Amino acid sequence: MQRPILELVNGAQAFQRGDLAYRLDERMSDEFGHVATRMNLMADELRQHRQAEQDRQQHLEDLVAVRTRELATALDSLRQLGQQRQQLLEDISHELRTPTTSIRGEAEITLRGGMRSEAEYRQALERIASDAKRLSDVISDLLTMARSDIVEWQVKRQLLDPCVPLADAMEQASTLGRLRGIALQGDVTAQATVLGDPQRLQQICGILLDNAVHYSHAGGMVEVSATTEVLQGKQVWVLRVRDDGIGVAEDELPRLFERGYRGVKARSHRPDGQGVGLAIAMLLTRLHGGTLSLGAAPAGGCEALLQLPVHAQAGHALSVMR
């Protein structure tokens, strides 16, 4: 009787260890054989239950992993959406500041001093009306971006003379310049046609001129020049905006087009800036297939260089003086 009893004991110990693949010898024909058969059936049933439990646990783990990835994706989307909303608010703040400042400045300049002639008042009102229209266009554009979750400026290209939006931008910047005692002087002789969006090109020029005025010292000068040049075998329209203001450190130049970045001198000279204008200008320039760079001006200050590919010859020149 020792052999079958020992067999049953070994089987029970194997099952206790969790080895449900162990099988007792069922060839015994007495009661020990029946017990061995029942124990083997019990082990089969337990193994099936264990496998089913493992399958359910694996399925649950797979579901948790899928849900975790979905939640992580949703969290990333929310974080990205928050960043886009913040970027949109910064763009709205920046784009509304220039036209509103121009409107207010034009009104303040007109109201200063004694009485003016009807023609002078009419000219001032025409400039205010023009700035108000530009402000309305900017607001409409920003609302479209906000409603459609567009985070990049849209460009509607057409053949145009780049000096026209440049002249509009200079007209607007001259008001800010008069408020700050800074003169704008331009000698624009570009005979070229580019494929671009007039409103977006005015934004680019306006940002460059606005920066030049804001970071100049009272009584300073902002020089604007536009020419056509041949660079690397291709004809380009080149705009240079040069000021004699605070300048920029050499080690800060690579970061000036980063959204939100402002140099040490810029933060000290103008604490209320947000550092989004140049980022917008760079984006719009790239959408036009052009290049934009900043560097130190030869006589101090800063020089902005905008280059746009020429599409065709315009056959005329424009000279602007502000």
C-alpha atoms as a PDB file:
ATOM      1  CA  MET A   1       0.000   0.000   0.000  1.00  0.00           C
ATOM      2  CA  GLN A   2       2.966   2.326   0.357  1.00  0.00           C
ATOM      3  CA  ARG A   3       3.467   2.828  -3.384  1.00  0.00           C
ATOM      4  CA  PRO A   4      -0.031   4.146  -4.244  1.00  0.00           C
ATOM      5  CA  ILE A   5      -0.158   6.219  -1.063  1.00  0.00           C
ATOM      6  CA  LEU A   6       3.231   7.730  -1.905  1.00  0.00           C
ATOM      7  CA  GLU A   7       1.971   8.396  -5.430  1.00  0.00           C
ATOM      8  CA  LEU A   8      -1.061  10.245  -4.065  1.00  0.00           C
ATOM      9  CA  VAL A   9       1.099  12.219  -1.627  1.00  0.00           C
ATOM     10  CA  ASN A  10       3.513  13.263  -4.433  1.00  0.00           C
ATOM     11  CA  GLY A  11       0.575  14.305  -6.593  1.00  0.00           C
ATOM     12  CA  ALA A  12      -0.989  16.349  -3.783  1.00  0.00           C
ATOM     13  CA  GLN A  13       2.328  18.065  -3.100  1.00  0.00           C
ATOM     14  CA  ALA A  14       2.777  18.858  -6.821  1.00  0.00           C
ATOM     15  CA  PHE A  15      -0.703  20.387  -7.004  1.00  0.00           C
ATOM     16  CA  GLN A  16       0.033  22.341  -3.827  1.00  0.00           C
ATOM     17  CA  ARG A  17       3.139  23.795  -5.480  1.00  0.00           C
ATOM     18  CA  GLY A  18       0.968  24.902  -8.421  1.00  0.00           C
ATOM     19  CA  ASP A  19       2.224  22.271 -10.831  1.00  0.00           C
ATOM     20  CA  LEU A  20      -1.160  21.464 -12.319  1.00  0.00           C
ATOM     21  CA  ALA A  21       0.459  19.666 -15.277  1.00  0.00           C
ATOM     22  CA  TYR A  22       1.516  16.837 -12.949  1.00  0.00           C
ATOM     23  CA  ARG A  23      -0.534  13.652 -13.454  1.00  0.00           C
ATOM     24  CA  LEU A  24      -1.069  10.712 -11.135  1.00  0.00           C
ATOM     25  CA  ASP A  25      -0.833   7.119 -12.356  1.00  0.00           C
ATOM     26  CA  GLU A  26      -4.389   6.042 -13.177  1.00  0.00           C
ATOM     27  CA  ARG A  27      -3.448   2.446 -14.023  1.00  0.00           C
ATOM     28  CA  MET A  28      -4.206   1.364 -10.481  1.00  0.00           C
ATOM     29  CA  SER A  29      -7.440  -0.642 -10.480  1.00  0.00           C
ATOM     30  CA  ASP A  30      -8.425  -0.250  -6.878  1.00  0.00           C
ATOM     31  CA  GLU A  31      -9.742   2.751  -4.935  1.00  0.00           C
ATOM     32  CA  PHE A  32      -6.359   4.439  -5.293  1.00  0.00           C
ATOM     33  CA  GLY A  33      -6.818   4.450  -9.068  1.00  0.00           C
ATOM     34  CA  HIS A  34     -10.231   6.145  -8.727  1.00  0.00           C
ATOM     35  CA  VAL A  35      -8.724   8.739  -6.398  1.00  0.00           C
ATOM     36  CA  ALA A  36      -5.880   9.363  -8.864  1.00  0.00           C
ATOM     37  CA  THR A  37      -8.367   9.802 -11.717  1.00  0.00           C
ATOM     38  CA  ARG A  38     -10.429  12.310  -9.685  1.00  0.00           C
ATOM     39  CA  MET A  39      -7.345  14.218  -8.666  1.00  0.00           C
ATOM     40  CA  ASN A  40      -6.184  14.418 -12.301  1.00  0.00           C
ATOM     41  CA  LEU A  41      -9.648  15.687 -13.353  1.00  0.00           C
ATOM     42  CA  MET A  42      -9.507  18.240 -10.565  1.00  0.00           C
ATOM     43  CA  ALA A  43      -6.048  19.351 -11.763  1.00  0.00           C
ATOM     44  CA  ASP A  44      -7.374  19.709 -15.353  1.00  0.00           C
ATOM     45  CA  GLU A  45     -10.290  21.815 -14.169  1.00  0.00           C
ATOM     46  CA  LEU A  46      -8.073  23.979 -11.999  1.00  0.00           C
ATOM     47  CA  ARG A  47      -5.654  24.499 -14.888  1.00  0.00           C
ATOM     48  CA  GLN A  48      -8.517  25.534 -17.146  1.00  0.00           C
ATOM     49  CA  HIS A  49      -9.762  27.979 -14.525  1.00  0.00           C
ATOM     50  CA  ARG A  50      -6.251  29.326 -14.051  1.00  0.00           C
ATOM     51  CA  GLN A  51      -5.772  29.765 -17.811  1.00  0.00           C
ATOM     52  CA  ALA A  52      -9.140  31.527 -18.100  1.00  0.00           C
ATOM     53  CA  GLU A  53      -8.205  33.808 -15.222  1.00  0.00           C
ATOM     54  CA  GLN A  54      -4.849  34.576 -16.835  1.00  0.00           C
ATOM     55  CA  ASP A  55      -6.610  35.307 -20.139  1.00  0.00           C
ATOM     56  CA  ARG A  56      -9.053  37.656 -18.389  1.00  0.00           C
ATOM     57  CA  GLN A  57      -6.201  39.360 -16.559  1.00  0.00           C
ATOM     58  CA  GLN A  58      -4.220  39.773 -19.783  1.00  0.00           C
ATOM     59  CA  HIS A  59      -7.298  41.155 -21.524  1.00  0.00           C
ATOM     60  CA  LEU A  60      -7.814  43.596 -18.676  1.00  0.00           C
ATOM     61  CA  GLU A  61      -4.172  44.653 -18.809  1.00  0.00           C
ATOM     62  CA  ASP A  62      -4.472  45.154 -22.569  1.00  0.00           C
ATOM     63  CA  LEU A  63      -7.575  47.300 -22.065  1.00  0.00           C
ATOM     64  CA  VAL A  64      -5.819  49.330 -19.380  1.00  0.00           C
ATOM     65  CA  ALA A  65      -2.811  49.816 -21.668  1.00  0.00           C
ATOM     66  CA  VAL A  66      -5.072  50.942 -24.536  1.00  0.00           C
ATOM     67  CA  ARG A  67      -7.015  53.333 -22.291  1.00  0.00           C
ATOM     68  CA  THR A  68      -3.760  54.668 -20.860  1.00  0.00           C
ATOM     69  CA  ARG A  69      -2.458  55.403 -24.338  1.00  0.00           C
ATOM     70  CA  GLU A  70      -5.761  57.016 -25.285  1.00  0.00           C
ATOM     71  CA  LEU A  71      -5.686  59.167 -22.151  1.00  0.00           C
ATOM     72  CA  ALA A  72      -2.059  60.120 -22.820  1.00  0.00           C
ATOM     73  CA  THR A  73      -2.973  61.067 -26.396  1.00  0.00           C
ATOM     74  CA  ALA A  74      -5.966  63.069 -25.171  1.00  0.00           C
ATOM     75  CA  LEU A  75      -3.781  64.794 -22.575  1.00  0.00           C
ATOM     76  CA  ASP A  76      -1.192  65.662 -25.229  1.00  0.00           C
ATOM     77  CA  SER A  77      -3.967  67.002 -27.458  1.00  0.00           C
ATOM     78  CA  LEU A  78      -5.328  69.127 -24.630  1.00  0.00           C
ATOM     79  CA  ARG A  79      -1.856  70.383 -23.800  1.00  0.00           C
ATOM     80  CA  GLN A  80      -1.217  71.195 -27.462  1.00  0.00           C
ATOM     81  CA  LEU A  81      -4.618  72.878 -27.735  1.00  0.00           C
ATOM     82  CA  GLY A  82      -3.812  74.946 -24.670  1.00  0.00           C
ATOM     83  CA  GLN A  83      -0.512  75.990 -26.211  1.00  0.00           C
ATOM     84  CA  GLN A  84      -2.282  76.868 -29.459  1.00  0.00           C
ATOM     85  CA  ARG A  85      -4.851  78.945 -27.583  1.00  0.00           C
ATOM     86  CA  GLN A  86      -2.095  80.719 -25.697  1.00  0.00           C
ATOM     87  CA  GLN A  87      -0.260  81.342 -28.959  1.00  0.00           C
ATOM     88  CA  LEU A  88      -3.457  82.688 -30.518  1.00  0.00           C
ATOM     89  CA  LEU A  89      -4.017  85.056 -27.601  1.00  0.00           C
ATOM     90  CA  GLU A  90      -0.448  86.316 -27.904  1.00  0.00           C
ATOM     91  CA  ASP A  91      -0.906  86.832 -31.647  1.00  0.00           C
ATOM     92  CA  ILE A  92      -4.191  88.672 -31.072  1.00  0.00           C
ATOM     93  CA  SER A  93      -2.578  90.912 -28.482  1.00  0.00           C
ATOM     94  CA  HIS A  94       0.361  91.679 -30.753  1.00  0.00           C
ATOM     95  CA  GLU A  95      -1.618  92.235 -33.944  1.00  0.00           C
ATOM     96  CA  LEU A  96      -4.177  94.538 -32.298  1.00  0.00           C
ATOM     97  CA  ARG A  97      -1.595  96.697 -30.545  1.00  0.00           C
ATOM     98  CA  THR A  98      -0.093  98.352 -33.647  1.00  0.00           C
ATOM     99  CA  PRO A  99      -3.290  99.549 -35.400  1.00  0.00           C
ATOM    100  CA  THR A 100      -4.868 100.728 -32.146  1.00  0.00           C
ATOM    101  CA  THR A 101      -1.702 102.617 -31.226  1.00  0.00           C
ATOM    102  CA  SER A 102      -1.649 104.189 -34.678  1.00  0.00           C
ATOM    103  CA  ILE A 103      -5.283 105.298 -34.428  1.00  0.00           C
ATOM    104  CA  ARG A 104      -4.808 106.756 -30.972  1.00  0.00           C
ATOM    105  CA  GLY A 105      -1.534 108.391 -31.964  1.00  0.00           C
ATOM    106  CA  GLU A 106      -2.992 109.993 -35.071  1.00  0.00           C
ATOM    107  CA  ALA A 107      -5.849 111.435 -33.028  1.00  0.00           C
ATOM    108  CA  GLU A 108      -3.512 112.718 -30.306  1.00  0.00           C
ATOM    109  CA  ILE A 109      -1.171 114.343 -32.829  1.00  0.00           C
ATOM    110  CA  THR A 110      -4.094 116.021 -34.603  1.00  0.00           C
ATOM    111  CA  LEU A 111      -5.504 117.382 -31.338  1.00  0.00           C
ATOM    112  CA  ARG A 112      -2.186 118.852 -30.227  1.00  0.00           C
ATOM    113  CA  GLY A 113      -1.461 122.550 -30.704  1.00  0.00           C
ATOM    114  CA  GLY A 114      -3.835 125.074 -32.215  1.00  0.00           C
ATOM    115  CA  MET A 115      -6.524 124.897 -34.817  1.00  0.00           C
ATOM    116  CA  ARG A 116      -5.756 123.183 -38.118  1.00  0.00           C
ATOM    117  CA  SER A 117      -7.113 123.633 -41.589  1.00  0.00           C
ATOM    118  CA  GLU A 118      -9.964 121.546 -42.926  1.00  0.00           C
ATOM    119  CA  ALA A 119      -7.554 119.775 -45.273  1.00  0.00           C
ATOM    120  CA  GLU A 120      -5.283 118.753 -42.374  1.00  0.00           C
ATOM    121  CA  TYR A 121      -8.228 117.422 -40.382  1.00  0.00           C
ATOM    122  CA  ARG A 122      -9.447 115.539 -43.435  1.00  0.00           C
ATOM    123  CA  GLN A 123      -6.040 113.944 -43.972  1.00  0.00           C
ATOM    124  CA  ALA A 124      -5.885 112.900 -40.313  1.00  0.00           C
ATOM    125  CA  LEU A 125      -9.379 111.413 -40.508  1.00  0.00           C
ATOM    126  CA  GLU A 126      -8.463 109.548 -43.685  1.00  0.00           C
ATOM    127  CA  ARG A 127      -5.436 108.042 -41.961  1.00  0.00           C
ATOM    128  CA  ILE A 128      -7.570 107.096 -38.939  1.00  0.00           C
ATOM    129  CA  ALA A 129     -10.195 105.537 -41.228  1.00  0.00           C
ATOM    130  CA  SER A 130      -7.488 103.583 -43.051  1.00  0.00           C
ATOM    131  CA  ASP A 131      -6.020 102.314 -39.782  1.00  0.00           C
ATOM    132  CA  ALA A 132      -9.514 101.433 -38.546  1.00  0.00           C
ATOM    133  CA  LYS A 133     -10.122  99.379 -41.683  1.00  0.00           C
ATOM    134  CA  ARG A 134      -6.849  97.540 -41.158  1.00  0.00           C
ATOM    135  CA  LEU A 135      -7.848  96.932 -37.559  1.00  0.00           C
ATOM    136  CA  SER A 136     -11.189  95.525 -38.714  1.00  0.00           C
ATOM    137  CA  ASP A 137      -9.408  93.194 -41.156  1.00  0.00           C
ATOM    138  CA  VAL A 138      -7.066  91.973 -38.418  1.00  0.00           C
ATOM    139  CA  ILE A 139      -9.971  91.325 -36.033  1.00  0.00           C
ATOM    140  CA  SER A 140     -11.880  89.410 -38.716  1.00  0.00           C
ATOM    141  CA  ASP A 141      -8.803  87.358 -39.505  1.00  0.00           C
ATOM    142  CA  LEU A 142      -8.132  86.543 -35.853  1.00  0.00           C
ATOM    143  CA  LEU A 143     -11.761  85.554 -35.268  1.00  0.00           C
ATOM    144  CA  THR A 144     -11.566  83.182 -38.227  1.00  0.00           C
ATOM    145  CA  MET A 145      -8.451  81.617 -36.745  1.00  0.00           C
ATOM    146  CA  ALA A 146     -10.099  81.244 -33.336  1.00  0.00           C
ATOM    147  CA  ARG A 147     -13.277  79.655 -34.697  1.00  0.00           C
ATOM    148  CA  SER A 148     -11.568  77.174 -36.988  1.00  0.00           C
ATOM    149  CA  ASP A 149      -8.639  76.287 -34.704  1.00  0.00           C
ATOM    150  CA  ILE A 150      -6.210  77.596 -37.345  1.00  0.00           C
ATOM    151  CA  VAL A 151      -2.896  78.214 -35.644  1.00  0.00           C
ATOM    152  CA  GLU A 152      -0.977  79.370 -38.697  1.00  0.00           C
ATOM    153  CA  TRP A 153      -1.591  82.493 -40.734  1.00  0.00           C
ATOM    154  CA  GLN A 154      -3.180  81.806 -44.097  1.00  0.00           C
ATOM    155  CA  VAL A 155      -1.639  83.315 -47.231  1.00  0.00           C
ATOM    156  CA  LYS A 156      -3.694  84.215 -50.321  1.00  0.00           C
ATOM    157  CA  ARG A 157      -1.148  84.829 -53.067  1.00  0.00           C
ATOM    158  CA  GLN A 158      -1.494  87.247 -55.956  1.00  0.00           C
ATOM    159  CA  LEU A 159       0.863  89.219 -58.161  1.00  0.00           C
ATOM    160  CA  LEU A 160       1.641  92.533 -56.518  1.00  0.00           C
ATOM    161  CA  ASP A 161       4.188  95.281 -56.080  1.00  0.00           C
ATOM    162  CA  PRO A 162       5.723  94.754 -52.609  1.00  0.00           C
ATOM    163  CA  CYS A 163       6.315  98.494 -52.295  1.00  0.00           C
ATOM    164  CA  VAL A 164       2.557  99.065 -51.924  1.00  0.00           C
ATOM    165  CA  PRO A 165       2.117  97.124 -48.650  1.00  0.00           C
ATOM    166  CA  LEU A 166       5.482  98.506 -47.546  1.00  0.00           C
ATOM    167  CA  ALA A 167       4.231 102.062 -48.079  1.00  0.00           C
ATOM    168  CA  ASP A 168       1.075 101.269 -46.076  1.00  0.00           C
ATOM    169  CA  ALA A 169       3.180  99.845 -43.270  1.00  0.00           C
ATOM    170  CA  MET A 170       5.422 102.919 -43.300  1.00  0.00           C
ATOM    171  CA  GLU A 171       2.373 105.192 -43.162  1.00  0.00           C
ATOM    172  CA  GLN A 172       1.185 103.390 -40.045  1.00  0.00           C
ATOM    173  CA  ALA A 173       4.621 103.239 -38.436  1.00  0.00           C
ATOM    174  CA  SER A 174       5.206 106.950 -39.061  1.00  0.00           C
ATOM    175  CA  THR A 175       2.379 107.776 -36.632  1.00  0.00           C
ATOM    176  CA  LEU A 176       4.055 105.750 -33.901  1.00  0.00           C
ATOM    177  CA  GLY A 177       7.354 107.368 -34.846  1.00  0.00           C
ATOM    178  CA  ARG A 178       5.945 110.874 -34.458  1.00  0.00           C
ATOM    179  CA  LEU A 179       4.612 109.948 -31.025  1.00  0.00           C
ATOM    180  CA  ARG A 180       8.071 108.791 -29.948  1.00  0.00           C
ATOM    181  CA  GLY A 181      10.056 111.483 -31.713  1.00  0.00           C
ATOM    182  CA  ILE A 182      11.562 109.028 -34.208  1.00  0.00           C
ATOM    183  CA  ALA A 183      11.777 109.802 -37.932  1.00  0.00           C
ATOM    184  CA  LEU A 184      11.193 107.225 -40.672  1.00  0.00           C
ATOM    185  CA  GLN A 185      13.073 107.751 -43.905  1.00  0.00           C
ATOM    186  CA  GLY A 186      12.684 105.551 -46.949  1.00  0.00           C
ATOM    187  CA  ASP A 187      14.154 105.407 -50.428  1.00  0.00           C
ATOM    188  CA  VAL A 188      12.226 102.635 -52.108  1.00  0.00           C
ATOM    189  CA  THR A 189      13.145 101.965 -55.736  1.00  0.00           C
ATOM    190  CA  ALA A 190      12.144  98.361 -56.309  1.00  0.00           C
ATOM    191  CA  GLN A 191      11.011  97.492 -59.837  1.00  0.00           C
ATOM    192  CA  ALA A 192       9.685  94.018 -59.175  1.00  0.00           C
ATOM    193  CA  THR A 193       6.570  91.946 -58.745  1.00  0.00           C
ATOM    194  CA  VAL A 194       6.234  89.208 -56.158  1.00  0.00           C
ATOM    195  CA  LEU A 195       3.641  86.506 -55.619  1.00  0.00           C
ATOM    196  CA  GLY A 196       2.231  87.191 -52.181  1.00  0.00           C
ATOM    197  CA  ASP A 197      -0.560  88.294 -49.899  1.00  0.00           C
ATOM    198  CA  PRO A 198      -0.694  92.118 -49.573  1.00  0.00           C
ATOM    199  CA  GLN A 199      -2.123  92.004 -46.052  1.00  0.00           C
ATOM    200  CA  ARG A 200       0.496  89.509 -44.891  1.00  0.00           C
ATOM    201  CA  LEU A 201       3.341  91.430 -46.507  1.00  0.00           C
ATOM    202  CA  GLN A 202       2.115  94.566 -44.775  1.00  0.00           C
ATOM    203  CA  GLN A 203       2.132  92.612 -41.503  1.00  0.00           C
ATOM    204  CA  ILE A 204       5.742  91.541 -42.050  1.00  0.00           C
ATOM    205  CA  CYS A 205       6.872  95.062 -42.932  1.00  0.00           C
ATOM    206  CA  GLY A 206       4.799  96.496 -40.091  1.00  0.00           C
ATOM    207  CA  ILE A 207       6.391  94.198 -37.531  1.00  0.00           C
ATOM    208  CA  LEU A 208       9.903  95.083 -38.687  1.00  0.00           C
ATOM    209  CA  LEU A 209       9.134  98.812 -38.684  1.00  0.00           C
ATOM    210  CA  ASP A 210       7.312  98.592 -35.352  1.00  0.00           C
ATOM    211  CA  ASN A 211      10.314  96.902 -33.744  1.00  0.00           C
ATOM    212  CA  ALA A 212      12.691  99.453 -35.232  1.00  0.00           C
ATOM    213  CA  VAL A 213      10.632 102.332 -33.806  1.00  0.00           C
ATOM    214  CA  HIS A 214      10.026 100.747 -30.411  1.00  0.00           C
ATOM    215  CA  TYR A 215      13.677  99.902 -29.842  1.00  0.00           C
ATOM    216  CA  SER A 216      15.062 103.245 -31.029  1.00  0.00           C
ATOM    217  CA  HIS A 217      15.979 106.139 -28.781  1.00  0.00           C
ATOM    218  CA  ALA A 218      13.988 109.368 -28.844  1.00  0.00           C
ATOM    219  CA  GLY A 219      15.198 111.575 -31.660  1.00  0.00           C
ATOM    220  CA  GLY A 220      16.521 108.579 -33.586  1.00  0.00           C
ATOM    221  CA  MET A 221      16.137 107.593 -37.205  1.00  0.00           C
ATOM    222  CA  VAL A 222      14.771 104.478 -38.916  1.00  0.00           C
ATOM    223  CA  GLU A 223      16.029 104.013 -42.465  1.00  0.00           C
ATOM    224  CA  VAL A 224      14.105 101.878 -44.946  1.00  0.00           C
ATOM    225  CA  SER A 225      15.373 100.765 -48.331  1.00  0.00           C
ATOM    226  CA  ALA A 226      13.998  98.321 -50.886  1.00  0.00           C
ATOM    227  CA  THR A 227      15.849  97.123 -53.957  1.00  0.00           C
ATOM    228  CA  THR A 228      16.010  94.185 -56.328  1.00  0.00           C
ATOM    229  CA  GLU A 229      19.195  92.148 -56.318  1.00  0.00           C
ATOM    230  CA  VAL A 230      20.527  88.951 -57.860  1.00  0.00           C
ATOM    231  CA  LEU A 231      21.540  86.431 -55.195  1.00  0.00           C
ATOM    232  CA  GLN A 232      22.816  82.984 -56.113  1.00  0.00           C
ATOM    233  CA  GLY A 233      21.566  83.445 -59.660  1.00  0.00           C
ATOM    234  CA  LYS A 234      18.026  84.397 -58.610  1.00  0.00           C
ATOM    235  CA  GLN A 235      16.429  87.817 -58.512  1.00  0.00           C
ATOM    236  CA  VAL A 236      14.998  88.823 -55.145  1.00  0.00           C
ATOM    237  CA  TRP A 237      13.286  91.854 -53.674  1.00  0.00           C
ATOM    238  CA  VAL A 238      15.300  92.987 -50.662  1.00  0.00           C
ATOM    239  CA  LEU A 239      13.958  95.140 -47.837  1.00  0.00           C
ATOM    240  CA  ARG A 240      16.331  96.599 -45.260  1.00  0.00           C
ATOM    241  CA  VAL A 241      15.059  98.242 -42.077  1.00  0.00           C
ATOM    242  CA  ARG A 242      17.873  99.834 -40.101  1.00  0.00           C
ATOM    243  CA  ASP A 243      17.650 101.678 -36.789  1.00  0.00           C
ATOM    244  CA  ASP A 244      20.175 103.337 -34.486  1.00  0.00           C
ATOM    245  CA  GLY A 245      18.570 102.072 -31.291  1.00  0.00           C
ATOM    246  CA  ILE A 246      19.558  99.714 -28.492  1.00  0.00           C
ATOM    247  CA  GLY A 247      20.922  96.996 -30.769  1.00  0.00           C
ATOM    248  CA  VAL A 248      21.142  93.313 -29.930  1.00  0.00           C
ATOM    249  CA  ALA A 249      23.866  91.129 -28.449  1.00  0.00           C
ATOM    250  CA  GLU A 250      25.641  88.776 -30.849  1.00  0.00           C
ATOM    251  CA  ASP A 251      24.823  85.677 -28.782  1.00  0.00           C
ATOM    252  CA  GLU A 252      21.110  86.556 -28.797  1.00  0.00           C
ATOM    253  CA  LEU A 253      20.733  86.714 -32.592  1.00  0.00           C
ATOM    254  CA  PRO A 254      20.022  82.971 -33.107  1.00  0.00           C
ATOM    255  CA  ARG A 255      17.085  83.103 -30.666  1.00  0.00           C
ATOM    256  CA  LEU A 256      15.356  86.321 -31.724  1.00  0.00           C
ATOM    257  CA  PHE A 257      12.787  84.480 -33.860  1.00  0.00           C
ATOM    258  CA  GLU A 258      11.786  82.105 -31.059  1.00  0.00           C
ATOM    259  CA  ARG A 259       8.264  82.753 -29.829  1.00  0.00           C
ATOM    260  CA  GLY A 260       8.335  84.509 -26.468  1.00  0.00           C
ATOM    261  CA  TYR A 261      12.080  85.167 -26.462  1.00  0.00           C
ATOM    262  CA  ARG A 262      13.313  88.699 -25.738  1.00  0.00           C
ATOM    263  CA  GLY A 263      16.863  89.897 -25.282  1.00  0.00           C
ATOM    264  CA  VAL A 264      18.187  91.538 -22.143  1.00  0.00           C
ATOM    265  CA  LYS A 265      18.294  95.023 -23.684  1.00  0.00           C
ATOM    266  CA  ALA A 266      14.824  94.588 -25.167  1.00  0.00           C
ATOM    267  CA  ARG A 267      13.289  93.637 -21.804  1.00  0.00           C
ATOM    268  CA  SER A 268      14.959  96.623 -20.163  1.00  0.00           C
ATOM    269  CA  HIS A 269      13.975  99.102 -22.889  1.00  0.00           C
ATOM    270  CA  ARG A 270      10.407  97.852 -23.337  1.00  0.00           C
ATOM    271  CA  PRO A 271       9.131  95.714 -20.437  1.00  0.00           C
ATOM    272  CA  ASP A 272       5.628  95.303 -21.929  1.00  0.00           C
ATOM    273  CA  GLY A 273       6.737  93.386 -25.036  1.00  0.00           C
ATOM    274  CA  GLN A 274       5.728  89.748 -25.561  1.00  0.00           C
ATOM    275  CA  GLY A 275       8.310  88.525 -28.044  1.00  0.00           C
ATOM    276  CA  VAL A 276       5.855  87.185 -30.643  1.00  0.00           C
ATOM    277  CA  GLY A 277       6.199  89.719 -33.472  1.00  0.00           C
ATOM    278  CA  LEU A 278       9.367  88.359 -35.038  1.00  0.00           C
ATOM    279  CA  ALA A 279       8.054  84.790 -34.768  1.00  0.00           C
ATOM    280  CA  ILE A 280       4.951  85.823 -36.735  1.00  0.00           C
ATOM    281  CA  ALA A 281       7.079  87.694 -39.281  1.00  0.00           C
ATOM    282  CA  MET A 282       9.318  84.655 -39.780  1.00  0.00           C
ATOM    283  CA  LEU A 283       6.310  82.347 -40.262  1.00  0.00           C
ATOM    284  CA  LEU A 284       4.720  84.671 -42.831  1.00  0.00           C
ATOM    285  CA  THR A 285       8.050  85.113 -44.619  1.00  0.00           C
ATOM    286  CA  ARG A 286       8.507  81.352 -44.963  1.00  0.00           C
ATOM    287  CA  LEU A 287       4.939  81.012 -46.258  1.00  0.00           C
ATOM    288  CA  HIS A 288       5.976  83.477 -48.984  1.00  0.00           C
ATOM    289  CA  GLY A 289       9.099  81.457 -49.806  1.00  0.00           C
ATOM    290  CA  GLY A 290      11.381  84.210 -48.516  1.00  0.00           C
ATOM    291  CA  THR A 291      14.041  84.654 -45.862  1.00  0.00           C
ATOM    292  CA  LEU A 292      14.268  86.978 -42.881  1.00  0.00           C
ATOM    293  CA  SER A 293      17.284  87.751 -40.726  1.00  0.00           C
ATOM    294  CA  LEU A 294      18.459  90.241 -38.128  1.00  0.00           C
ATOM    295  CA  GLY A 295      21.910  91.594 -37.478  1.00  0.00           C
ATOM    296  CA  ALA A 296      23.811  94.483 -35.998  1.00  0.00           C
ATOM    297  CA  ALA A 297      23.723  97.713 -38.022  1.00  0.00           C
ATOM    298  CA  PRO A 298      27.146  99.133 -39.039  1.00  0.00           C
ATOM    299  CA  ALA A 299      26.634 102.329 -36.995  1.00  0.00           C
ATOM    300  CA  GLY A 300      24.940 100.630 -34.053  1.00  0.00           C
ATOM    301  CA  GLY A 301      21.372  99.555 -33.633  1.00  0.00           C
ATOM    302  CA  CYS A 302      19.830  96.699 -35.573  1.00  0.00           C
ATOM    303  CA  GLU A 303      19.192  95.857 -39.214  1.00  0.00           C
ATOM    304  CA  ALA A 304      16.393  93.591 -40.462  1.00  0.00           C
ATOM    305  CA  LEU A 305      16.815  91.971 -43.884  1.00  0.00           C
ATOM    306  CA  LEU A 306      13.785  90.588 -45.751  1.00  0.00           C
ATOM    307  CA  GLN A 307      14.234  88.791 -49.073  1.00  0.00           C
ATOM    308  CA  LEU A 308      11.360  87.681 -51.312  1.00  0.00           C
ATOM    309  CA  PRO A 309      11.679  85.883 -54.658  1.00  0.00           C
ATOM    310  CA  VAL A 310      10.823  88.084 -57.632  1.00  0.00           C
ATOM    311  CA  HIS A 311       8.073  86.760 -59.881  1.00  0.00           C
ATOM    312  CA  ALA A 312       8.207  89.316 -62.709  1.00  0.00           C
ATOM    313  CA  GLN A 313       9.375  92.815 -63.456  1.00  0.00           C
ATOM    314  CA  ALA A 314       6.935  95.490 -62.356  1.00  0.00           C
ATOM    315  CA  GLY A 315       8.389  98.148 -64.637  1.00  0.00           C
ATOM    316  CA  HIS A 316       7.999 101.082 -62.252  1.00  0.00           C
ATOM    317  CA  ALA A 317       9.549 102.673 -59.176  1.00  0.00           C
ATOM    318  CA  LEU A 318       8.139 104.103 -55.985  1.00  0.00           C
ATOM    319  CA  SER A 319       9.795 106.635 -53.674  1.00  0.00           C
ATOM    320  CA  VAL A 320       8.459 107.105 -50.149  1.00  0.00           C
ATOM    321  CA  MET A 321       9.580 109.650 -47.573  1.00  0.00           C
ATOM    322  CA  ARG A 322       8.215 109.818 -44.030  1.00  0.00           C
END
